[in-house]
C-alpha atoms as a PDB file:
ATOM      1  CA  MET A   1      -0.069   0.139   0.091  1.00  0.00           C
ATOM      2  CA  GLY A   2       2.829   2.472   0.671  1.00  0.00           C
ATOM      3  CA  LEU A   3       4.270   1.498  -3.027  1.00  0.00           C
ATOM      4  CA  PRO A   4       2.632   4.438  -4.443  1.00  0.00           C
ATOM      5  CA  LEU A   5       4.273   7.125  -2.446  1.00  0.00           C
ATOM      6  CA  ILE A   6       7.279   5.709  -2.849  1.00  0.00           C
ATOM      7  CA  ASP A   7       7.335   5.180  -7.062  1.00  0.00           C
ATOM      8  CA  GLY A   8       6.011   8.190  -7.416  1.00  0.00           C
ATOM      9  CA  ILE A   9       2.432   7.391  -9.175  1.00  0.00           C
ATOM     10  CA  PHE A  10       0.282   9.157  -5.893  1.00  0.00           C
ATOM     11  CA  PRO A  11       2.419  12.206  -6.208  1.00  0.00           C
ATOM     12  CA  ALA A  12       1.541  11.836 -10.043  1.00  0.00           C
ATOM     13  CA  LEU A  13      -1.961  11.720  -9.791  1.00  0.00           C
ATOM     14  CA  ILE A  14      -1.974  14.840  -7.306  1.00  0.00           C
ATOM     15  CA  ILE A  15      -0.600  16.737 -10.035  1.00  0.00           C
ATOM     16  CA  ALA A  16      -2.618  15.684 -12.490  1.00  0.00           C
ATOM     17  CA  GLY A  17      -5.569  16.606 -10.575  1.00  0.00           C
ATOM     18  CA  ALA A  18      -7.051  13.147 -10.593  1.00  0.00           C
ATOM     19  CA  MET A  19      -8.312  13.794  -6.730  1.00  0.00           C
ATOM     20  CA  THR A  20      -9.986  17.080  -7.696  1.00  0.00           C
ATOM     21  CA  THR A  21     -12.298  19.380  -9.814  1.00  0.00           C
ATOM     22  CA  ALA A  22     -11.563  22.006 -12.161  1.00  0.00           C
ATOM     23  CA  ALA A  23     -12.172  24.377  -9.707  1.00  0.00           C
ATOM     24  CA  GLY A  24      -9.975  23.141  -7.082  1.00  0.00           C
ATOM     25  CA  ASP A  25     -12.563  21.385  -5.119  1.00  0.00           C
ATOM     26  CA  PRO A  26     -12.358  17.254  -3.671  1.00  0.00           C
ATOM     27  CA  SER A  27     -13.838  15.431  -6.472  1.00  0.00           C
ATOM     28  CA  ILE A  28     -15.607  12.314  -4.465  1.00  0.00           C
ATOM     29  CA  ALA A  29     -14.998   9.904  -7.908  1.00  0.00           C
ATOM     30  CA  GLY A  30     -11.303  10.731  -8.138  1.00  0.00           C
ATOM     31  CA  ILE A  31     -10.890  10.049  -4.366  1.00  0.00           C
ATOM     32  CA  LEU A  32     -12.122   6.853  -4.496  1.00  0.00           C
ATOM     33  CA  GLN A  33     -10.947   5.702  -7.194  1.00  0.00           C
ATOM     34  CA  THR A  34      -7.475   6.271  -6.283  1.00  0.00           C
ATOM     35  CA  GLY A  35      -8.051   5.030  -2.844  1.00  0.00           C
ATOM     36  CA  LEU A  36      -9.781   1.643  -4.206  1.00  0.00           C
ATOM     37  CA  LEU A  37      -7.337   1.125  -7.055  1.00  0.00           C
ATOM     38  CA  ILE A  38      -4.113   2.660  -6.302  1.00  0.00           C
ATOM     39  CA  PHE A  39      -3.558   2.034  -2.397  1.00  0.00           C
ATOM     40  CA  GLY A  40      -5.811  -1.015  -2.586  1.00  0.00           C
ATOM     41  CA  GLY A  41      -6.737  -3.248  -5.452  1.00  0.00           C
ATOM     42  CA  SER A  42      -5.772  -7.237  -6.019  1.00  0.00           C
ATOM     43  CA  ALA A  43      -2.204  -6.583  -4.458  1.00  0.00           C
ATOM     44  CA  THR A  44      -3.722  -5.424  -0.969  1.00  0.00           C
ATOM     45  CA  VAL A  45      -6.636  -8.155  -1.552  1.00  0.00           C
ATOM     46  CA  ALA A  46      -4.111 -11.016  -2.187  1.00  0.00           C
ATOM     47  CA  VAL A  47      -1.792 -10.229   0.431  1.00  0.00           C
ATOM     48  CA  ILE A  48      -4.589 -10.096   2.704  1.00  0.00           C
ATOM     49  CA  LEU A  49      -6.378 -12.908   1.649  1.00  0.00           C
ATOM     50  CA  ALA A  50      -2.593 -15.337   1.237  1.00  0.00           C
ATOM     51  CA  GLU A  51      -0.274 -14.241   3.489  1.00  0.00           C
ATOM     52  CA  MET A  52      -1.765 -12.037   6.234  1.00  0.00           C
ATOM     53  CA  ASP A  53      -1.212 -13.981   9.499  1.00  0.00           C
ATOM     54  CA  GLY A  54      -2.830 -13.375  12.536  1.00  0.00           C
ATOM     55  CA  THR A  55      -6.445 -12.862  14.233  1.00  0.00           C
ATOM     56  CA  ARG A  56      -8.494 -10.505  12.590  1.00  0.00           C
ATOM     57  CA  ARG A  57      -7.560  -8.140  15.686  1.00  0.00           C
ATOM     58  CA  GLU A  58      -4.477  -8.742  14.711  1.00  0.00           C
ATOM     59  CA  GLN A  59      -4.406  -7.815  11.361  1.00  0.00           C
ATOM     60  CA  LEU A  60      -6.611  -4.473  12.025  1.00  0.00           C
ATOM     61  CA  THR A  61      -4.463  -3.058  14.166  1.00  0.00           C
ATOM     62  CA  SER A  62      -1.427  -3.926  11.715  1.00  0.00           C
ATOM     63  CA  ILE A  63      -3.567  -2.263   8.770  1.00  0.00           C
ATOM     64  CA  LEU A  64      -4.587   0.729  11.345  1.00  0.00           C
ATOM     65  CA  LEU A  65      -0.838   1.162  12.358  1.00  0.00           C
ATOM     66  CA  LEU A  66       0.052   1.244   8.323  1.00  0.00           C
ATOM     67  CA  GLY A  67      -2.288   3.945   8.207  1.00  0.00           C
ATOM     68  CA  VAL A  68      -1.223   6.272  10.959  1.00  0.00           C
ATOM     69  CA  LEU A  69       1.667   6.266   8.755  1.00  0.00           C
ATOM     70  CA  LEU A  70       0.574   6.341   5.215  1.00  0.00           C
ATOM     71  CA  ILE A  71      -2.323   8.969   5.595  1.00  0.00           C
ATOM     72  CA  PRO A  72       0.163  11.882   6.843  1.00  0.00           C
ATOM     73  CA  VAL A  73       2.851  10.503   4.758  1.00  0.00           C
ATOM     74  CA  ALA A  74       0.333  11.403   1.249  1.00  0.00           C
ATOM     75  CA  VAL A  75      -1.264  14.559   2.970  1.00  0.00           C
ATOM     76  CA  ALA A  76       3.436  15.740   2.994  1.00  0.00           C
ATOM     77  CA  GLU A  77       3.583  14.463  -0.414  1.00  0.00           C
ATOM     78  CA  ALA A  78       0.530  16.743  -1.348  1.00  0.00           C
ATOM     79  CA  ALA A  79       1.859  19.362   0.295  1.00  0.00           C
ATOM     80  CA  VAL A  80       5.453  19.065  -1.432  1.00  0.00           C
ATOM     81  CA  ALA A  81       3.750  18.762  -5.040  1.00  0.00           C
ATOM     82  CA  GLU A  82       2.568  22.266  -5.085  1.00  0.00           C
ATOM     83  CA  THR A  83       6.390  23.175  -5.494  1.00  0.00           C
ATOM     84  CA  ILE A  84       6.920  20.769  -7.433  1.00  0.00           C
ATOM     85  CA  GLU A  85       4.461  21.573 -10.119  1.00  0.00           C
ATOM     86  CA  THR A  86       5.346  24.888 -10.449  1.00  0.00           C
ATOM     87  CA  LEU A  87       9.047  23.307 -12.408  1.00  0.00           C
ATOM     88  CA  LEU A  88       6.576  21.468 -14.549  1.00  0.00           C
ATOM     89  CA  ASN A  89       5.062  21.766 -17.950  1.00  0.00           C
ATOM     90  CA  PHE A  90       1.367  20.405 -17.249  1.00  0.00           C
ATOM     91  CA  GLU A  91       0.479  19.282 -20.440  1.00  0.00           C
ATOM     92  CA  VAL A  92       3.781  17.267 -20.809  1.00  0.00           C
ATOM     93  CA  PHE A  93       3.705  15.703 -17.480  1.00  0.00           C
ATOM     94  CA  HIS A  94      -0.269  15.025 -17.379  1.00  0.00           C
ATOM     95  CA  ARG A  95       0.736  12.072 -20.231  1.00  0.00           C
ATOM     96  CA  PHE A  96       3.247  10.566 -18.470  1.00  0.00           C
ATOM     97  CA  ALA A  97       1.032  10.155 -14.848  1.00  0.00           C
ATOM     98  CA  GLY A  98      -1.516   8.412 -17.610  1.00  0.00           C
ATOM     99  CA  LEU A  99       1.446   6.387 -19.498  1.00  0.00           C
ATOM    100  CA  VAL A 100       2.438   5.209 -15.753  1.00  0.00           C
ATOM    101  CA  ILE A 101      -1.459   3.963 -14.863  1.00  0.00           C
ATOM    102  CA  LEU A 102      -1.288   2.083 -18.060  1.00  0.00           C
ATOM    103  CA  ALA A 103       2.460   0.225 -17.516  1.00  0.00           C
ATOM    104  CA  VAL A 104       0.710  -0.402 -13.958  1.00  0.00           C
ATOM    105  CA  ALA A 105      -2.244  -1.834 -15.222  1.00  0.00           C
ATOM    106  CA  ALA A 106      -0.040  -3.767 -17.982  1.00  0.00           C
ATOM    107  CA  LYS A 107       2.232  -5.589 -15.287  1.00  0.00           C
ATOM    108  CA  THR A 108      -1.362  -6.227 -13.221  1.00  0.00           C
ATOM    109  CA  ALA A 109      -2.566  -7.922 -15.825  1.00  0.00           C
ATOM    110  CA  SER A 110       0.086 -10.458 -17.398  1.00  0.00           C
ATOM    111  CA  SER A 111       4.048 -10.830 -15.862  1.00  0.00           C
ATOM    112  CA  LYS A 112       5.094 -11.482 -19.730  1.00  0.00           C
ATOM    113  CA  VAL A 113       4.037  -7.761 -20.813  1.00  0.00           C
ATOM    114  CA  GLY A 114       5.064  -6.325 -17.400  1.00  0.00           C
ATOM    115  CA  GLU A 115       9.306  -7.683 -17.820  1.00  0.00           C
ATOM    116  CA  TYR A 116       9.012  -5.367 -21.347  1.00  0.00           C
ATOM    117  CA  LEU A 117       7.998  -2.468 -19.686  1.00  0.00           C
ATOM    118  CA  PRO A 118       9.452   0.114 -17.385  1.00  0.00           C
ATOM    119  CA  SER A 119       9.381   0.389 -13.687  1.00  0.00           C
ATOM    120  CA  PRO A 120       6.453   3.420 -12.837  1.00  0.00           C
ATOM    121  CA  SER A 121       9.811   5.290 -11.106  1.00  0.00           C
ATOM    122  CA  ILE A 122      11.215   5.307 -14.541  1.00  0.00           C
ATOM    123  CA  ILE A 123       8.379   6.263 -16.603  1.00  0.00           C
ATOM    124  CA  ILE A 124       7.707   9.278 -13.903  1.00  0.00           C
ATOM    125  CA  GLY A 125      11.782  10.208 -14.294  1.00  0.00           C
ATOM    126  CA  LEU A 126      11.214  10.546 -17.520  1.00  0.00           C
ATOM    127  CA  GLY A 127       8.050  12.618 -17.296  1.00  0.00           C
ATOM    128  CA  LEU A 128       9.874  14.858 -14.860  1.00  0.00           C
ATOM    129  CA  VAL A 129      13.091  15.481 -17.432  1.00  0.00           C
ATOM    130  CA  ALA A 130      10.378  15.839 -20.338  1.00  0.00           C
ATOM    131  CA  SER A 131       8.269  18.185 -18.618  1.00  0.00           C
ATOM    132  CA  PHE A 132      11.401  20.744 -16.399  1.00  0.00           C
ATOM    133  CA  GLU A 133      10.628  24.024 -16.999  1.00  0.00           C
ATOM    134  CA  PRO A 134      12.727  25.754 -14.076  1.00  0.00           C
ATOM    135  CA  ALA A 135      11.201  29.510 -15.026  1.00  0.00           C
ATOM    136  CA  GLY A 136       8.225  28.835 -13.312  1.00  0.00           C
ATOM    137  CA  PHE A 137       9.523  28.139 -10.080  1.00  0.00           C
ATOM    138  CA  GLU A 138       7.673  28.875  -7.277  1.00  0.00           C
ATOM    139  CA  LEU A 139       8.089  28.169  -3.497  1.00  0.00           C
ATOM    140  CA  ILE A 140       4.328  26.833  -2.345  1.00  0.00           C
ATOM    141  CA  VAL A 141       4.465  28.126   1.486  1.00  0.00           C
ATOM    142  CA  THR A 142       0.797  27.571   1.666  1.00  0.00           C
ATOM    143  CA  PRO A 143      -0.405  24.447   0.379  1.00  0.00           C
ATOM    144  CA  ASP A 144      -3.937  24.206  -1.171  1.00  0.00           C
ATOM    145  CA  PRO A 145      -6.191  22.541   1.873  1.00  0.00           C
ATOM    146  CA  MET A 146      -8.294  21.109  -0.479  1.00  0.00           C
ATOM    147  CA  ARG A 147      -5.756  19.258  -2.361  1.00  0.00           C
ATOM    148  CA  LEU A 148      -4.791  17.976   1.196  1.00  0.00           C
ATOM    149  CA  LEU A 149      -7.673  17.096   1.915  1.00  0.00           C
ATOM    150  CA  SER A 150      -7.935  14.995  -1.317  1.00  0.00           C
ATOM    151  CA  ALA A 151      -4.810  13.313  -0.937  1.00  0.00           C
ATOM    152  CA  GLY A 152      -5.452  12.225   2.582  1.00  0.00           C
ATOM    153  CA  ALA A 153      -8.929  10.837   2.018  1.00  0.00           C
ATOM    154  CA  ALA A 154      -7.726   8.932  -1.251  1.00  0.00           C
ATOM    155  CA  ALA A 155      -4.933   7.138   1.512  1.00  0.00           C
ATOM    156  CA  GLY A 156      -8.015   6.932   3.919  1.00  0.00           C
ATOM    157  CA  THR A 157     -10.052   5.102   1.166  1.00  0.00           C
ATOM    158  CA  GLY A 158      -7.081   3.242   0.468  1.00  0.00           C
ATOM    159  CA  VAL A 159      -6.711   1.774   4.519  1.00  0.00           C
ATOM    160  CA  GLY A 160     -10.716   1.627   5.169  1.00  0.00           C
ATOM    161  CA  PHE A 161     -10.874  -1.072   2.277  1.00  0.00           C
ATOM    162  CA  ALA A 162      -7.934  -3.129   3.724  1.00  0.00           C
ATOM    163  CA  GLY A 163      -9.199  -2.706   6.495  1.00  0.00           C
ATOM    164  CA  ALA A 164     -12.777  -4.177   5.303  1.00  0.00           C
ATOM    165  CA  VAL A 165     -11.317  -6.899   3.604  1.00  0.00           C
ATOM    166  CA  ALA A 166      -9.179  -8.318   6.684  1.00  0.00           C
ATOM    167  CA  LEU A 167     -12.458  -7.860   8.655  1.00  0.00           C
ATOM    168  CA  PHE A 168     -14.161  -9.998   6.424  1.00  0.00           C
ATOM    169  CA  ALA A 169     -11.412 -12.000   4.998  1.00  0.00           C
ATOM    170  CA  PRO A 170     -12.997 -15.482   7.475  1.00  0.00           C
ATOM    171  CA  ARG A 171     -15.918 -15.111   4.608  1.00  0.00           C
ATOM    172  CA  LEU A 172     -13.701 -13.866   1.767  1.00  0.00           C
ATOM    173  CA  ARG A 173     -10.848 -16.440   1.658  1.00  0.00           C
ATOM    174  CA  GLY A 174     -11.742 -19.456  -0.554  1.00  0.00           C
ATOM    175  CA  ASN A 175     -14.669 -17.605  -2.187  1.00  0.00           C
ATOM    176  CA  VAL A 176     -13.045 -14.768  -4.099  1.00  0.00           C
ATOM    177  CA  ASP A 177     -11.275 -15.316  -7.252  1.00  0.00           C
ATOM    178  CA  ILE A 178      -8.007 -13.667  -6.867  1.00  0.00           C
ATOM    179  CA  ASP A 179      -7.103 -14.260 -10.782  1.00  0.00           C
ATOM    180  CA  LEU A 180     -10.346 -12.866 -11.770  1.00  0.00           C
ATOM    181  CA  PHE A 181     -10.188  -9.636  -9.499  1.00  0.00           C
ATOM    182  CA  ARG A 182      -7.024  -9.114 -10.379  1.00  0.00           C
ATOM    183  CA  PHE A 183      -7.633  -9.009 -13.992  1.00  0.00           C
ATOM    184  CA  GLY A 184     -10.640  -6.838 -13.410  1.00  0.00           C
ATOM    185  CA  SER A 185      -8.246  -4.523 -11.388  1.00  0.00           C
ATOM    186  CA  SER A 186      -6.129  -3.778 -14.353  1.00  0.00           C
ATOM    187  CA  VAL A 187      -8.880  -2.838 -17.029  1.00  0.00           C
ATOM    188  CA  ALA A 188     -10.424  -0.842 -13.643  1.00  0.00           C
ATOM    189  CA  LEU A 189      -6.550   0.440 -14.006  1.00  0.00           C
ATOM    190  CA  GLY A 190      -7.130   1.031 -17.622  1.00  0.00           C
ATOM    191  CA  MET A 191     -10.570   3.327 -17.342  1.00  0.00           C
ATOM    192  CA  LEU A 192      -8.621   5.374 -14.799  1.00  0.00           C
ATOM    193  CA  ALA A 193      -5.734   5.835 -16.985  1.00  0.00           C
ATOM    194  CA  LEU A 194      -7.825   7.185 -19.664  1.00  0.00           C
ATOM    195  CA  ASP A 195      -9.754   9.278 -17.329  1.00  0.00           C
ATOM    196  CA  VAL A 196      -6.429  10.664 -16.289  1.00  0.00           C
ATOM    197  CA  LEU A 197      -5.329  11.359 -20.199  1.00  0.00           C
ATOM    198  CA  GLY A 198      -8.669  12.774 -20.987  1.00  0.00           C
ATOM    199  CA  LEU A 199      -9.672  10.585 -23.445  1.00  0.00           C
ATOM    200  CA  MET A 200     -13.039   9.294 -22.034  1.00  0.00           C
ATOM    201  CA  PRO A 201     -15.958  10.534 -23.885  1.00  0.00           C
ATOM    202  CA  THR A 202     -17.705  10.820 -19.977  1.00  0.00           C
ATOM    203  CA  GLN A 203     -17.166  12.300 -16.788  1.00  0.00           C
ATOM    204  CA  ALA A 204     -18.812   9.114 -15.102  1.00  0.00           C
ATOM    205  CA  PRO A 205     -16.575   7.113 -12.537  1.00  0.00           C
ATOM    206  CA  VAL A 206     -16.033   4.513 -15.428  1.00  0.00           C
ATOM    207  CA  ALA A 207     -13.382   3.025 -13.550  1.00  0.00           C
ATOM    208  CA  LEU A 208     -15.257   2.682 -10.303  1.00  0.00           C
ATOM    209  CA  GLY A 209     -18.167   0.732 -11.787  1.00  0.00           C
ATOM    210  CA  VAL A 210     -15.764  -1.702 -14.112  1.00  0.00           C
ATOM    211  CA  LEU A 211     -14.163  -2.498 -10.115  1.00  0.00           C
ATOM    212  CA  GLY A 212     -17.731  -2.878  -8.629  1.00  0.00           C
ATOM    213  CA  VAL A 213     -18.858  -5.299 -11.830  1.00  0.00           C
ATOM    214  CA  THR A 214     -15.085  -7.091 -11.465  1.00  0.00           C
ATOM    215  CA  ALA A 215     -15.753  -7.309  -7.324  1.00  0.00           C
ATOM    216  CA  LEU A 216     -19.513  -9.104  -7.903  1.00  0.00           C
ATOM    217  CA  PHE A 217     -17.957 -11.543 -10.719  1.00  0.00           C
ATOM    218  CA  ALA A 218     -14.923 -12.782  -8.352  1.00  0.00           C
ATOM    219  CA  PHE A 219     -17.043 -12.759  -5.445  1.00  0.00           C
ATOM    220  CA  ASP A 220     -18.439 -16.821  -5.392  1.00  0.00           C
ATOM    221  CA  PRO A 221     -19.597 -18.264  -2.454  1.00  0.00           C
ATOM    222  CA  GLY A 222     -19.877 -21.675  -1.569  1.00  0.00           C
ATOM    223  CA  SER A 223     -17.613 -22.719  -4.287  1.00  0.00           C
ATOM    224  CA  ASP A 224     -14.702 -24.102  -2.256  1.00  0.00           C
ATOM    225  CA  GLY A 225     -17.400 -26.386  -0.515  1.00  0.00           C
ATOM    226  CA  ALA A 226     -19.436 -27.572  -3.171  1.00  0.00           C
ATOM    227  CA  ASP A 227     -16.098 -29.172  -4.845  1.00  0.00           C
ATOM    228  CA  LEU A 228     -15.245 -30.526  -1.532  1.00  0.00           C
ATOM    229  CA  ASP A 229     -18.674 -32.341  -1.189  1.00  0.00           C
ATOM    230  CA  GLU A 230     -17.908 -33.510  -5.116  1.00  0.00           C
ATOM    231  CA  PHE A 231     -14.567 -34.814  -4.493  1.00  0.00           C
ATOM    232  CA  VAL A 232     -15.410 -36.817  -1.385  1.00  0.00           C
ATOM    233  CA  ASP A 233     -18.905 -38.270  -3.255  1.00  0.00           C
ATOM    234  CA  ASP A 234     -16.761 -39.188  -5.961  1.00  0.00           C
ATOM    235  CA  ALA A 235     -13.873 -40.386  -3.652  1.00  0.00           C
ATOM    236  CA  SER A 236     -16.687 -42.717  -1.729  1.00  0.00           C
ATOM    237  CA  ALA A 237     -18.362 -44.225  -4.840  1.00  0.00           C
ATOM    238  CA  GLU A 238     -14.829 -45.199  -6.046  1.00  0.00           C
ATOM    239  CA  SER A 239     -13.910 -46.568  -2.805  1.00  0.00           C
ATOM    240  CA  ALA A 240     -17.075 -48.461  -2.503  1.00  0.00           C
ATOM    241  CA  THR A 241     -16.201 -50.400  -6.212  1.00  0.00           C
ATOM    242  CA  PRO A 242     -14.413 -52.796  -6.315  1.00  0.00           C
ATOM    243  CA  ASN A 243     -11.248 -52.974  -8.985  1.00  0.00           C
ATOM    244  CA  ALA A 244     -13.032 -55.410 -11.468  1.00  0.00           C
ATOM    245  CA  ASN A 245      -9.778 -55.736 -13.340  1.00  0.00           C
ATOM    246  CA  ALA A 246      -8.057 -56.779 -10.806  1.00  0.00           C
ATOM    247  CA  ASN A 247      -9.887 -59.025  -9.783  1.00  0.00           C
ATOM    248  CA  GLY A 248     -10.338 -60.523 -13.217  1.00  0.00           C
ATOM    249  CA  ALA A 249      -6.752 -60.998 -13.734  1.00  0.00           C
ATOM    250  CA  VAL A 250      -6.217 -63.042 -11.041  1.00  0.00           C
ATOM    251  CA  ALA A 251      -9.292 -65.111 -11.359  1.00  0.00           C
ATOM    252  CA  ASP A 252      -7.717 -65.932 -15.070  1.00  0.00           C
ATOM    253  CA  GLY A 253      -4.540 -66.458 -13.836  1.00  0.00           C
ATOM    254  CA  GLY A 254      -3.042 -63.924 -15.324  1.00  0.00           C
ATOM    255  CA  ASP A 255       0.510 -62.819 -14.566  1.00  0.00           C
ATOM    256  CA  ASP A 256       1.693 -60.760 -12.176  1.00  0.00           C
ATOM    257  CA  ALA A 257       2.486 -56.747 -12.833  1.00  0.00           C
ATOM    258  CA  ASP A 258       6.245 -55.960 -12.477  1.00  0.00           C
ATOM    259  CA  PRO A 259       6.998 -54.016  -9.844  1.00  0.00           C
ATOM    260  CA  ALA A 260       9.811 -52.112 -11.707  1.00  0.00           C
ATOM    261  CA  ASP A 261       7.272 -51.428 -14.732  1.00  0.00           C
ATOM    262  CA  TYR A 262       4.460 -50.363 -11.857  1.00  0.00           C
ATOM    263  CA  ASP A 263       7.046 -47.480 -10.653  1.00  0.00           C
ATOM    264  CA  ALA A 264       8.246 -46.607 -13.945  1.00  0.00           C
ATOM    265  CA  LEU A 265       4.585 -45.747 -14.821  1.00  0.00           C
ATOM    266  CA  VAL A 266       4.271 -43.836 -11.760  1.00  0.00           C
ATOM    267  CA  ASP A 267       7.513 -41.828 -12.379  1.00  0.00           C
ATOM    268  CA  ASP A 268       6.687 -40.868 -16.341  1.00  0.00           C
ATOM    269  CA  ALA A 269       2.389 -39.714 -14.404  1.00  0.00           C
ATOM    270  CA  ASN A 270       4.117 -37.548 -11.827  1.00  0.00           C
ATOM    271  CA  GLU A 271       6.305 -35.858 -14.749  1.00  0.00           C
ATOM    272  CA  THR A 272       3.497 -35.301 -16.561  1.00  0.00           C
ATOM    273  CA  ASP A 273       1.444 -34.167 -13.884  1.00  0.00           C
ATOM    274  CA  ASP A 274       4.128 -31.600 -12.841  1.00  0.00           C
ATOM    275  CA  ASP A 275       5.160 -30.525 -16.695  1.00  0.00           C
ATOM    276  CA  SER A 276       0.995 -29.784 -17.188  1.00  0.00           C
ATOM    277  CA  GLU A 277       0.371 -28.034 -14.442  1.00  0.00           C
ATOM    278  CA  PRO A 278       0.529 -23.898 -14.407  1.00  0.00           C
ATOM    279  CA  GLY A 279       2.213 -21.700 -11.777  1.00  0.00           C
ATOM    280  CA  TYR A 280      -0.158 -20.072  -9.553  1.00  0.00           C
ATOM    281  CA  GLY A 281       0.373 -16.246 -10.339  1.00  0.00           C
ATOM    282  CA  TYR A 282      -0.369 -14.732 -13.955  1.00  0.00           C
ATOM    283  CA  PRO A 283      -0.891 -16.315 -16.974  1.00  0.00           C
ATOM    284  CA  GLY A 284       2.791 -17.573 -17.722  1.00  0.00           C
ATOM    285  CA  GLU A 285       4.512 -17.366 -14.656  1.00  0.00           C
ATOM    286  CA  GLU A 286       7.263 -20.260 -13.825  1.00  0.00           C
ATOM    287  CA  GLU A 287       7.501 -19.758 -10.823  1.00  0.00           C
ATOM    288  CA  SER A 288       4.979 -20.691  -8.103  1.00  0.00           C
ATOM    289  CA  ARG A 289       4.598 -17.685  -6.080  1.00  0.00           C
ATOM    290  CA  ALA A 290       2.611 -14.798  -7.620  1.00  0.00           C
ATOM    291  CA  PRO A 291       4.162 -11.561  -8.043  1.00  0.00           C
ATOM    292  CA  TRP A 292       1.970  -9.528  -6.094  1.00  0.00           C
ATOM    293  CA  LEU A 293       2.675 -11.330  -2.958  1.00  0.00           C
END
């Protein structure tokens, strides 16, 4: 959750005006989109459901402690961003802010595509170089309070989202398709990038709509229980059915199978299963552990 503050994505969105309206007022849609997609998203959901240890209270305490650090840092970056903005050509940097979100969306959707894309910090660094205009430098001593409020609200939204996931983790764990949610989140990030670039033909929060539909489709309650019941029924049926082939071979006086041939057959089957099983992670990921974890 702190990566957007470190790699420069969050300050870039502040400078691009993603969380404020044209009049400078806080944008509710922009705050929600930034909080849920930039600070939250599939990475936060996956880590909480798959790797976060401890009881529900311990998890909530850890998230709240993170929020105590995250929100003030976000507000501080928003204050500094106003001074940095005076050094930049807004129109040029605005395009790079949209490109960095597109890069994050592509990396979220596919690790193979992400291997060929530069990191967000590199894209933002290139944007700073391309839009650098020192002639307009001005030290902003009193930053816009509305911008600070928007930054704090966006970070708070991300913390609240993480807290809600941790609170309902026992219900969500095993009932959420993480891969489906990850891919839908990447599409929502793409919509947010188009919105930042000004290419969306509407002012409606399309990214929020995509994220909501993704959450609806990714939630499949009782799916694991149904699969387990089916597995138990099949196993019971198989154990209750006599091995006709084996009994028939003994009754007919057939030759006993060579144990060496049986061992070789089992080894070949295991090798085939290992080669055919896809790794848990992005499509085409060779590692056994998902990169967002």
